[in-house]
Amino acid sequence: MKYIQNKASLFLILIVSGLICFSFSMKMPSGTEVKWMTFEQMQEAQKKQPRKVIIDVYTDWCGWCKKMDKTTFEHPVIADYLNKNYYVVKFNAETKQTITFAGKVYQNNARYHELANVLMNNKMGFPTSIYLDENLSMITQPIASYLDAKQFEVIIAYLAEEKYKSEPFEQYQASFKSKIVE
């Protein structure tokens, strides 16, 4: 009888330990997600309340794009900051969808969408972040690179605060205090 009780206790301990380990391995939701928009939604929102715009240009096959989605855009500090300061568009550079942007119609006539070519200055690399002002004009050159949350945070703060109008990026970056805790 004692042998059965010890075996049952051991089994119970193993089950509870397994559940605890499983719960720690699961990603806990932050409650904050980026509010992605289409070009159409962004342009409608822009009419009511102008904001700066970030366009995340990606492709389905791009591994670095998927990594940036998971490590950067899903970070709660980044998602919260983007939602408060920007309209954010996720744009598949290979979409077959016709898109009207800034009064012009763009299509996918080849491997990549015409709009991706225009926004990225015909320099295809993924992921690419495009930064536009409230008038949908480029603030800076597109950044064709994976950016982790800390790298991205300093860029979006620099642009949202409009420090690019008065301070070199390197100077701003040197004094920037990140809200991301590792």
N, C-alpha and C. Protein backbone atom coordinates (compact mmCIF):
# COMPACT_ATOMS: atom_id res chain seq x y z
N MET A 1 0.83 -1.19 0.00
CA MET A 1 0.00 0.00 0.00
C MET A 1 0.88 1.26 0.00
N LYS A 2 1.92 1.25 0.86
CA LYS A 2 2.83 2.39 0.94
C LYS A 2 3.55 2.58 -0.40
N TYR A 3 3.88 1.48 -1.07
CA TYR A 3 4.54 1.54 -2.38
C TYR A 3 3.64 2.24 -3.40
N ILE A 4 2.36 1.97 -3.38
CA ILE A 4 1.39 2.58 -4.30
C ILE A 4 1.25 4.07 -3.99
N GLN A 5 1.21 4.42 -2.70
CA GLN A 5 1.11 5.83 -2.32
C GLN A 5 2.35 6.60 -2.78
N ASN A 6 3.54 6.02 -2.60
CA ASN A 6 4.78 6.68 -3.03
C ASN A 6 4.80 6.85 -4.54
N LYS A 7 4.33 5.83 -5.27
CA LYS A 7 4.29 5.89 -6.73
C LYS A 7 3.29 6.96 -7.19
N ALA A 8 2.14 7.03 -6.51
CA ALA A 8 1.12 8.03 -6.84
C ALA A 8 1.64 9.43 -6.55
N SER A 9 2.34 9.59 -5.42
CA SER A 9 2.91 10.89 -5.07
C SER A 9 3.96 11.32 -6.09
N LEU A 10 4.81 10.36 -6.48
CA LEU A 10 5.84 10.65 -7.47
C LEU A 10 5.20 11.04 -8.80
N PHE A 11 4.16 10.32 -9.19
CA PHE A 11 3.45 10.61 -10.44
C PHE A 11 2.84 12.02 -10.39
N LEU A 12 2.22 12.36 -9.26
CA LEU A 12 1.62 13.67 -9.08
C LEU A 12 2.68 14.78 -9.16
N ILE A 13 3.82 14.54 -8.52
CA ILE A 13 4.92 15.52 -8.55
C ILE A 13 5.41 15.72 -9.99
N LEU A 14 5.55 14.64 -10.72
CA LEU A 14 5.99 14.74 -12.12
C LEU A 14 4.98 15.52 -12.97
N ILE A 15 3.70 15.27 -12.77
CA ILE A 15 2.66 15.98 -13.52
C ILE A 15 2.71 17.48 -13.20
N VAL A 16 2.75 17.83 -11.93
CA VAL A 16 2.78 19.24 -11.52
C VAL A 16 4.06 19.91 -12.04
N SER A 17 5.19 19.24 -11.94
CA SER A 17 6.46 19.80 -12.45
C SER A 17 6.38 20.04 -13.95
N GLY A 18 5.81 19.08 -14.65
CA GLY A 18 5.66 19.22 -16.10
C GLY A 18 4.78 20.39 -16.47
N LEU A 19 3.68 20.57 -15.73
CA LEU A 19 2.79 21.71 -16.00
C LEU A 19 3.47 23.04 -15.72
N ILE A 20 4.24 23.09 -14.65
CA ILE A 20 4.97 24.33 -14.31
C ILE A 20 5.99 24.65 -15.41
N CYS A 21 6.74 23.66 -15.84
CA CYS A 21 7.73 23.88 -16.90
C CYS A 21 7.04 24.33 -18.19
N PHE A 22 5.93 23.69 -18.52
CA PHE A 22 5.19 24.03 -19.73
C PHE A 22 4.68 25.46 -19.67
N SER A 23 4.16 25.87 -18.49
CA SER A 23 3.62 27.22 -18.38
C SER A 23 4.72 28.27 -18.54
N PHE A 24 5.95 27.98 -18.05
CA PHE A 24 7.04 28.94 -18.21
C PHE A 24 7.55 28.99 -19.65
N SER A 25 7.39 27.91 -20.38
CA SER A 25 7.89 27.89 -21.76
C SER A 25 6.93 28.57 -22.73
N MET A 26 5.69 28.75 -22.32
CA MET A 26 4.71 29.40 -23.20
C MET A 26 4.96 30.91 -23.21
N LYS A 27 4.73 31.52 -24.35
CA LYS A 27 4.88 32.97 -24.45
C LYS A 27 3.67 33.63 -23.81
N MET A 28 3.91 34.46 -22.86
CA MET A 28 2.82 35.15 -22.19
C MET A 28 2.42 36.36 -23.03
N PRO A 29 1.12 36.53 -23.28
CA PRO A 29 0.69 37.67 -24.10
C PRO A 29 0.94 38.98 -23.37
N SER A 30 1.38 39.97 -24.11
CA SER A 30 1.68 41.26 -23.52
C SER A 30 0.44 42.13 -23.42
N GLY A 31 -0.58 41.79 -24.17
CA GLY A 31 -1.78 42.61 -24.18
C GLY A 31 -1.69 43.75 -25.18
N THR A 32 -0.51 43.99 -25.71
CA THR A 32 -0.33 45.06 -26.68
C THR A 32 0.18 44.46 -27.99
N GLU A 33 -0.57 44.71 -29.05
CA GLU A 33 -0.16 44.27 -30.38
C GLU A 33 -0.18 45.46 -31.32
N VAL A 34 0.67 45.43 -32.31
CA VAL A 34 0.68 46.50 -33.31
C VAL A 34 -0.65 46.47 -34.05
N LYS A 35 -1.23 47.64 -34.22
CA LYS A 35 -2.49 47.77 -34.96
C LYS A 35 -2.14 47.99 -36.43
N TRP A 36 -1.95 46.87 -37.14
CA TRP A 36 -1.57 46.93 -38.55
C TRP A 36 -2.73 47.47 -39.38
N MET A 37 -2.40 48.21 -40.43
CA MET A 37 -3.40 48.78 -41.33
C MET A 37 -3.04 48.43 -42.77
N THR A 38 -4.05 48.52 -43.62
CA THR A 38 -3.81 48.45 -45.05
C THR A 38 -3.50 49.87 -45.52
N PHE A 39 -3.06 50.00 -46.76
CA PHE A 39 -2.83 51.35 -47.30
C PHE A 39 -4.12 52.16 -47.29
N GLU A 40 -5.20 51.51 -47.64
CA GLU A 40 -6.50 52.20 -47.68
C GLU A 40 -6.90 52.68 -46.28
N GLN A 41 -6.80 51.83 -45.28
CA GLN A 41 -7.14 52.22 -43.91
C GLN A 41 -6.25 53.35 -43.42
N MET A 42 -4.96 53.27 -43.72
CA MET A 42 -4.03 54.30 -43.28
C MET A 42 -4.37 55.65 -43.90
N GLN A 43 -4.68 55.66 -45.19
CA GLN A 43 -4.98 56.92 -45.87
C GLN A 43 -6.30 57.53 -45.36
N GLU A 44 -7.26 56.69 -45.01
CA GLU A 44 -8.51 57.18 -44.43
C GLU A 44 -8.25 57.77 -43.04
N ALA A 45 -7.48 57.07 -42.23
CA ALA A 45 -7.15 57.57 -40.89
C ALA A 45 -6.35 58.87 -40.99
N GLN A 46 -5.49 58.97 -41.98
CA GLN A 46 -4.65 60.15 -42.19
C GLN A 46 -5.50 61.40 -42.43
N LYS A 47 -6.65 61.22 -43.07
CA LYS A 47 -7.55 62.35 -43.34
C LYS A 47 -8.15 62.90 -42.04
N LYS A 48 -8.39 62.02 -41.08
CA LYS A 48 -9.03 62.42 -39.83
C LYS A 48 -8.03 62.90 -38.79
N GLN A 49 -6.92 62.18 -38.67
CA GLN A 49 -5.89 62.52 -37.68
C GLN A 49 -4.52 62.18 -38.25
N PRO A 50 -3.87 63.15 -38.89
CA PRO A 50 -2.56 62.88 -39.51
C PRO A 50 -1.52 62.41 -38.50
N ARG A 51 -0.75 61.41 -38.91
CA ARG A 51 0.36 60.86 -38.13
C ARG A 51 1.47 60.47 -39.09
N LYS A 52 2.62 60.24 -38.51
CA LYS A 52 3.70 59.65 -39.31
C LYS A 52 3.32 58.20 -39.60
N VAL A 53 3.95 57.62 -40.62
CA VAL A 53 3.62 56.28 -41.07
C VAL A 53 4.89 55.43 -41.16
N ILE A 54 4.78 54.19 -40.72
CA ILE A 54 5.84 53.21 -40.94
C ILE A 54 5.24 52.10 -41.78
N ILE A 55 5.95 51.75 -42.85
CA ILE A 55 5.53 50.64 -43.70
C ILE A 55 6.57 49.54 -43.56
N ASP A 56 6.11 48.39 -43.11
CA ASP A 56 6.96 47.21 -42.99
C ASP A 56 6.81 46.42 -44.28
N VAL A 57 7.83 46.45 -45.12
CA VAL A 57 7.80 45.73 -46.40
C VAL A 57 8.45 44.37 -46.18
N TYR A 58 7.70 43.31 -46.52
CA TYR A 58 8.16 41.95 -46.27
C TYR A 58 7.78 41.05 -47.44
N THR A 59 8.24 39.81 -47.37
CA THR A 59 7.77 38.75 -48.28
C THR A 59 7.48 37.52 -47.42
N ASP A 60 6.66 36.62 -47.95
CA ASP A 60 6.30 35.42 -47.20
C ASP A 60 7.49 34.50 -46.96
N TRP A 61 8.48 34.51 -47.85
CA TRP A 61 9.61 33.59 -47.75
C TRP A 61 10.77 34.14 -46.92
N CYS A 62 10.67 35.37 -46.48
CA CYS A 62 11.78 36.06 -45.81
C CYS A 62 11.88 35.66 -44.33
N GLY A 63 12.93 34.94 -43.98
CA GLY A 63 13.16 34.52 -42.60
C GLY A 63 13.43 35.68 -41.65
N TRP A 64 14.19 36.68 -42.10
CA TRP A 64 14.47 37.85 -41.26
C TRP A 64 13.21 38.66 -41.01
N CYS A 65 12.28 38.67 -41.98
CA CYS A 65 11.00 39.37 -41.79
C CYS A 65 10.22 38.72 -40.66
N LYS A 66 10.19 37.39 -40.67
CA LYS A 66 9.48 36.65 -39.62
C LYS A 66 10.13 36.87 -38.26
N LYS A 67 11.45 36.91 -38.24
CA LYS A 67 12.16 37.16 -36.98
C LYS A 67 11.85 38.56 -36.47
N MET A 68 11.81 39.55 -37.36
CA MET A 68 11.50 40.91 -36.94
C MET A 68 10.07 41.01 -36.41
N ASP A 69 9.15 40.27 -37.03
CA ASP A 69 7.78 40.23 -36.51
C ASP A 69 7.77 39.74 -35.08
N LYS A 70 8.50 38.67 -34.81
CA LYS A 70 8.49 38.02 -33.49
C LYS A 70 9.28 38.78 -32.44
N THR A 71 10.44 39.31 -32.79
CA THR A 71 11.31 39.93 -31.78
C THR A 71 11.15 41.43 -31.67
N THR A 72 10.69 42.08 -32.72
CA THR A 72 10.60 43.54 -32.71
C THR A 72 9.15 44.00 -32.63
N PHE A 73 8.36 43.67 -33.63
CA PHE A 73 6.98 44.16 -33.66
C PHE A 73 6.10 43.59 -32.56
N GLU A 74 6.43 42.41 -32.05
CA GLU A 74 5.64 41.83 -30.96
C GLU A 74 6.13 42.27 -29.59
N HIS A 75 7.22 43.04 -29.53
CA HIS A 75 7.71 43.52 -28.24
C HIS A 75 6.71 44.56 -27.71
N PRO A 76 6.25 44.43 -26.46
CA PRO A 76 5.22 45.34 -25.94
C PRO A 76 5.61 46.81 -25.95
N VAL A 77 6.87 47.14 -25.70
CA VAL A 77 7.31 48.54 -25.72
C VAL A 77 7.19 49.10 -27.14
N ILE A 78 7.61 48.31 -28.11
CA ILE A 78 7.55 48.75 -29.51
C ILE A 78 6.09 48.87 -29.96
N ALA A 79 5.29 47.85 -29.71
CA ALA A 79 3.89 47.86 -30.14
C ALA A 79 3.15 49.06 -29.55
N ASP A 80 3.35 49.31 -28.27
CA ASP A 80 2.69 50.43 -27.61
C ASP A 80 3.12 51.76 -28.21
N TYR A 81 4.43 51.93 -28.44
CA TYR A 81 4.93 53.19 -29.00
C TYR A 81 4.41 53.40 -30.42
N LEU A 82 4.43 52.36 -31.22
CA LEU A 82 3.92 52.47 -32.59
C LEU A 82 2.45 52.86 -32.59
N ASN A 83 1.65 52.19 -31.79
CA ASN A 83 0.21 52.46 -31.75
C ASN A 83 -0.11 53.89 -31.32
N LYS A 84 0.73 54.46 -30.46
CA LYS A 84 0.49 55.82 -29.97
C LYS A 84 0.99 56.90 -30.92
N ASN A 85 2.00 56.58 -31.75
CA ASN A 85 2.67 57.63 -32.52
C ASN A 85 2.61 57.48 -34.04
N TYR A 86 2.24 56.33 -34.53
CA TYR A 86 2.31 56.06 -35.97
C TYR A 86 1.06 55.33 -36.46
N TYR A 87 0.87 55.40 -37.77
CA TYR A 87 0.03 54.41 -38.46
C TYR A 87 1.03 53.43 -39.05
N VAL A 88 0.75 52.15 -38.89
CA VAL A 88 1.71 51.13 -39.30
C VAL A 88 1.07 50.20 -40.33
N VAL A 89 1.72 50.11 -41.49
CA VAL A 89 1.22 49.30 -42.60
C VAL A 89 2.14 48.11 -42.80
N LYS A 90 1.57 46.93 -42.92
CA LYS A 90 2.33 45.72 -43.26
C LYS A 90 2.05 45.47 -44.74
N PHE A 91 3.13 45.44 -45.53
CA PHE A 91 3.00 45.38 -46.99
C PHE A 91 3.83 44.24 -47.57
N ASN A 92 3.14 43.26 -48.14
CA ASN A 92 3.80 42.14 -48.80
C ASN A 92 4.25 42.61 -50.18
N ALA A 93 5.54 42.66 -50.41
CA ALA A 93 6.10 43.18 -51.67
C ALA A 93 5.74 42.33 -52.87
N GLU A 94 5.18 41.14 -52.64
CA GLU A 94 4.81 40.25 -53.74
C GLU A 94 3.30 40.12 -53.90
N THR A 95 2.53 40.95 -53.21
CA THR A 95 1.08 40.85 -53.30
C THR A 95 0.60 41.09 -54.74
N LYS A 96 -0.47 40.45 -55.10
CA LYS A 96 -1.07 40.63 -56.43
C LYS A 96 -2.15 41.71 -56.39
N GLN A 97 -2.42 42.22 -55.21
CA GLN A 97 -3.47 43.21 -55.00
C GLN A 97 -3.10 44.56 -55.63
N THR A 98 -4.07 45.20 -56.26
CA THR A 98 -3.90 46.56 -56.77
C THR A 98 -4.04 47.51 -55.59
N ILE A 99 -3.11 48.46 -55.48
CA ILE A 99 -3.10 49.39 -54.34
C ILE A 99 -3.08 50.82 -54.87
N THR A 100 -3.96 51.64 -54.30
CA THR A 100 -3.94 53.07 -54.60
C THR A 100 -3.26 53.75 -53.44
N PHE A 101 -2.21 54.50 -53.75
CA PHE A 101 -1.44 55.19 -52.73
C PHE A 101 -1.09 56.58 -53.23
N ALA A 102 -1.43 57.58 -52.42
CA ALA A 102 -1.14 58.99 -52.74
C ALA A 102 -1.66 59.35 -54.13
N GLY A 103 -2.86 58.85 -54.44
CA GLY A 103 -3.52 59.21 -55.69
C GLY A 103 -3.08 58.44 -56.92
N LYS A 104 -2.19 57.48 -56.77
CA LYS A 104 -1.72 56.71 -57.91
C LYS A 104 -2.02 55.23 -57.70
N VAL A 105 -2.34 54.53 -58.79
CA VAL A 105 -2.67 53.11 -58.73
C VAL A 105 -1.42 52.29 -59.06
N TYR A 106 -1.14 51.30 -58.19
CA TYR A 106 0.03 50.43 -58.37
C TYR A 106 -0.41 48.98 -58.45
N GLN A 107 0.30 48.21 -59.29
CA GLN A 107 -0.01 46.79 -59.47
C GLN A 107 1.27 45.96 -59.40
N ASN A 108 1.06 44.67 -59.35
CA ASN A 108 2.20 43.76 -59.41
C ASN A 108 2.29 43.25 -60.84
N ASN A 109 3.21 43.81 -61.59
CA ASN A 109 3.40 43.43 -62.99
C ASN A 109 4.57 42.48 -63.18
N ALA A 110 5.28 42.22 -62.14
CA ALA A 110 6.46 41.35 -62.26
C ALA A 110 6.58 40.55 -60.97
N ARG A 111 7.79 40.34 -60.52
CA ARG A 111 8.01 39.58 -59.29
C ARG A 111 7.59 40.38 -58.06
N TYR A 112 7.93 41.67 -58.05
CA TYR A 112 7.59 42.53 -56.93
C TYR A 112 6.55 43.56 -57.34
N HIS A 113 5.83 44.04 -56.37
CA HIS A 113 4.79 45.04 -56.59
C HIS A 113 5.43 46.37 -56.99
N GLU A 114 4.76 47.09 -57.89
CA GLU A 114 5.27 48.40 -58.34
C GLU A 114 5.47 49.35 -57.15
N LEU A 115 4.54 49.31 -56.20
CA LEU A 115 4.64 50.22 -55.06
C LEU A 115 5.87 49.89 -54.20
N ALA A 116 6.18 48.62 -54.06
CA ALA A 116 7.40 48.24 -53.33
C ALA A 116 8.63 48.82 -54.03
N ASN A 117 8.66 48.72 -55.35
CA ASN A 117 9.79 49.28 -56.11
C ASN A 117 9.92 50.78 -55.88
N VAL A 118 8.79 51.48 -55.89
CA VAL A 118 8.80 52.94 -55.70
C VAL A 118 9.27 53.28 -54.28
N LEU A 119 8.64 52.67 -53.28
CA LEU A 119 8.97 52.99 -51.89
C LEU A 119 10.41 52.63 -51.52
N MET A 120 10.92 51.56 -52.13
CA MET A 120 12.25 51.07 -51.80
C MET A 120 13.31 51.56 -52.78
N ASN A 121 12.96 52.51 -53.63
CA ASN A 121 13.90 53.07 -54.60
C ASN A 121 14.54 52.00 -55.47
N ASN A 122 13.74 51.01 -55.86
CA ASN A 122 14.19 49.90 -56.71
C ASN A 122 15.33 49.08 -56.11
N LYS A 123 15.47 49.12 -54.79
CA LYS A 123 16.50 48.34 -54.10
C LYS A 123 15.79 47.31 -53.23
N MET A 124 15.56 46.14 -53.79
CA MET A 124 14.80 45.11 -53.10
C MET A 124 15.65 44.39 -52.06
N GLY A 125 15.25 44.46 -50.83
CA GLY A 125 15.87 43.77 -49.71
C GLY A 125 14.85 43.69 -48.60
N PHE A 126 14.80 42.59 -47.90
CA PHE A 126 13.74 42.39 -46.93
C PHE A 126 14.29 41.91 -45.60
N PRO A 127 13.72 42.38 -44.50
CA PRO A 127 12.65 43.36 -44.41
C PRO A 127 13.17 44.77 -44.68
N THR A 128 12.25 45.65 -45.08
CA THR A 128 12.59 47.06 -45.25
C THR A 128 11.56 47.89 -44.50
N SER A 129 12.05 48.87 -43.76
CA SER A 129 11.18 49.80 -43.04
C SER A 129 11.18 51.13 -43.78
N ILE A 130 9.96 51.60 -44.09
CA ILE A 130 9.78 52.87 -44.78
C ILE A 130 9.18 53.86 -43.77
N TYR A 131 9.72 55.07 -43.73
CA TYR A 131 9.28 56.07 -42.76
C TYR A 131 8.75 57.29 -43.52
N LEU A 132 7.46 57.60 -43.30
CA LEU A 132 6.81 58.71 -43.98
C LEU A 132 6.31 59.73 -42.97
N ASP A 133 6.27 60.99 -43.38
CA ASP A 133 5.70 62.02 -42.52
C ASP A 133 4.18 62.06 -42.69
N GLU A 134 3.55 63.02 -42.07
CA GLU A 134 2.09 63.13 -42.12
C GLU A 134 1.56 63.43 -43.51
N ASN A 135 2.41 63.92 -44.40
CA ASN A 135 2.03 64.20 -45.79
C ASN A 135 2.39 63.06 -46.73
N LEU A 136 2.80 61.94 -46.16
CA LEU A 136 3.18 60.73 -46.89
C LEU A 136 4.44 60.93 -47.74
N SER A 137 5.31 61.82 -47.27
CA SER A 137 6.62 62.03 -47.91
C SER A 137 7.67 61.31 -47.08
N MET A 138 8.70 60.82 -47.75
CA MET A 138 9.78 60.10 -47.06
C MET A 138 10.48 61.02 -46.06
N ILE A 139 10.66 60.51 -44.85
CA ILE A 139 11.42 61.25 -43.84
C ILE A 139 12.90 60.93 -44.00
N THR A 140 13.19 59.68 -44.24
CA THR A 140 14.55 59.19 -44.35
C THR A 140 14.60 58.10 -45.41
N GLN A 141 15.77 57.69 -45.78
CA GLN A 141 15.90 56.59 -46.72
C GLN A 141 15.34 55.31 -46.10
N PRO A 142 14.78 54.42 -46.91
CA PRO A 142 14.31 53.14 -46.37
C PRO A 142 15.47 52.39 -45.71
N ILE A 143 15.15 51.65 -44.66
CA ILE A 143 16.16 50.85 -43.98
C ILE A 143 15.88 49.39 -44.31
N ALA A 144 16.73 48.83 -45.17
CA ALA A 144 16.59 47.45 -45.62
C ALA A 144 17.44 46.55 -44.76
N SER A 145 16.89 46.19 -43.60
CA SER A 145 17.64 45.36 -42.67
C SER A 145 16.73 44.90 -41.55
N TYR A 146 17.08 43.76 -40.97
CA TYR A 146 16.45 43.33 -39.73
C TYR A 146 16.90 44.29 -38.64
N LEU A 147 15.95 44.73 -37.81
CA LEU A 147 16.26 45.58 -36.67
C LEU A 147 15.68 44.92 -35.43
N ASP A 148 16.50 44.74 -34.39
CA ASP A 148 15.94 44.20 -33.16
C ASP A 148 15.17 45.32 -32.45
N ALA A 149 14.50 44.98 -31.36
CA ALA A 149 13.62 45.94 -30.69
C ALA A 149 14.37 47.20 -30.23
N LYS A 150 15.56 47.04 -29.69
CA LYS A 150 16.31 48.22 -29.21
C LYS A 150 16.78 49.10 -30.36
N GLN A 151 17.22 48.51 -31.45
CA GLN A 151 17.63 49.29 -32.62
C GLN A 151 16.43 50.05 -33.21
N PHE A 152 15.31 49.37 -33.29
CA PHE A 152 14.10 49.96 -33.86
C PHE A 152 13.55 51.06 -32.95
N GLU A 153 13.61 50.83 -31.64
CA GLU A 153 13.07 51.80 -30.68
C GLU A 153 13.71 53.17 -30.83
N VAL A 154 15.03 53.22 -30.95
CA VAL A 154 15.71 54.51 -31.04
C VAL A 154 15.35 55.22 -32.36
N ILE A 155 15.17 54.47 -33.43
CA ILE A 155 14.81 55.07 -34.72
C ILE A 155 13.40 55.65 -34.67
N ILE A 156 12.45 54.88 -34.16
CA ILE A 156 11.06 55.37 -34.17
C ILE A 156 10.88 56.54 -33.20
N ALA A 157 11.65 56.56 -32.11
CA ALA A 157 11.58 57.69 -31.18
C ALA A 157 12.18 58.95 -31.82
N TYR A 158 13.32 58.77 -32.45
CA TYR A 158 14.01 59.88 -33.14
C TYR A 158 13.09 60.55 -34.17
N LEU A 159 12.39 59.73 -34.93
CA LEU A 159 11.51 60.26 -35.97
C LEU A 159 10.22 60.84 -35.39
N ALA A 160 9.60 60.14 -34.44
CA ALA A 160 8.35 60.61 -33.85
C ALA A 160 8.55 61.94 -33.12
N GLU A 161 9.68 62.08 -32.45
CA GLU A 161 9.99 63.32 -31.72
C GLU A 161 10.50 64.43 -32.65
N GLU A 162 10.65 64.11 -33.90
CA GLU A 162 11.13 65.03 -34.94
C GLU A 162 12.52 65.59 -34.63
N LYS A 163 13.32 64.80 -33.95
CA LYS A 163 14.69 65.20 -33.65
C LYS A 163 15.54 65.25 -34.92
N TYR A 164 15.11 64.53 -35.97
CA TYR A 164 15.85 64.53 -37.23
C TYR A 164 15.92 65.92 -37.85
N LYS A 165 15.06 66.83 -37.40
CA LYS A 165 15.06 68.20 -37.94
C LYS A 165 16.15 69.06 -37.31
N SER A 166 16.67 68.63 -36.15
CA SER A 166 17.62 69.50 -35.45
C SER A 166 18.86 68.81 -34.89
N GLU A 167 18.89 67.47 -34.90
CA GLU A 167 19.98 66.77 -34.23
C GLU A 167 20.43 65.57 -35.06
N PRO A 168 21.71 65.38 -35.23
CA PRO A 168 22.18 64.19 -35.94
C PRO A 168 21.76 62.92 -35.19
N PHE A 169 21.46 61.87 -35.93
CA PHE A 169 21.00 60.63 -35.34
C PHE A 169 22.00 60.07 -34.34
N GLU A 170 23.28 60.10 -34.67
CA GLU A 170 24.31 59.55 -33.79
C GLU A 170 24.32 60.24 -32.44
N GLN A 171 24.10 61.56 -32.44
CA GLN A 171 24.05 62.32 -31.18
C GLN A 171 22.82 61.91 -30.37
N TYR A 172 21.68 61.81 -31.03
CA TYR A 172 20.45 61.40 -30.36
C TYR A 172 20.59 59.99 -29.79
N GLN A 173 21.13 59.09 -30.60
CA GLN A 173 21.30 57.69 -30.20
C GLN A 173 22.21 57.57 -28.97
N ALA A 174 23.25 58.38 -28.90
CA ALA A 174 24.20 58.31 -27.79
C ALA A 174 23.55 58.68 -26.45
N SER A 175 22.53 59.55 -26.49
CA SER A 175 21.89 59.98 -25.24
C SER A 175 20.52 59.32 -25.02
N PHE A 176 20.10 58.46 -25.93
CA PHE A 176 18.78 57.83 -25.85
C PHE A 176 18.70 56.83 -24.69
N LYS A 177 17.62 56.90 -23.93
CA LYS A 177 17.37 55.99 -22.82
C LYS A 177 16.27 55.01 -23.22
N SER A 178 16.63 53.79 -23.45
CA SER A 178 15.68 52.76 -23.88
C SER A 178 14.72 52.39 -22.76
N LYS A 179 13.49 52.09 -23.14
CA LYS A 179 12.49 51.60 -22.19
C LYS A 179 12.42 50.07 -22.21
N ILE A 180 13.26 49.47 -23.03
CA ILE A 180 13.29 48.02 -23.14
C ILE A 180 14.22 47.45 -22.09
N VAL A 181 13.68 46.60 -21.26
CA VAL A 181 14.45 45.94 -20.21
C VAL A 181 14.71 44.51 -20.65
N GLU A 182 15.95 44.11 -20.61
CA GLU A 182 16.30 42.74 -21.03
C GLU A 182 16.45 41.82 -19.85
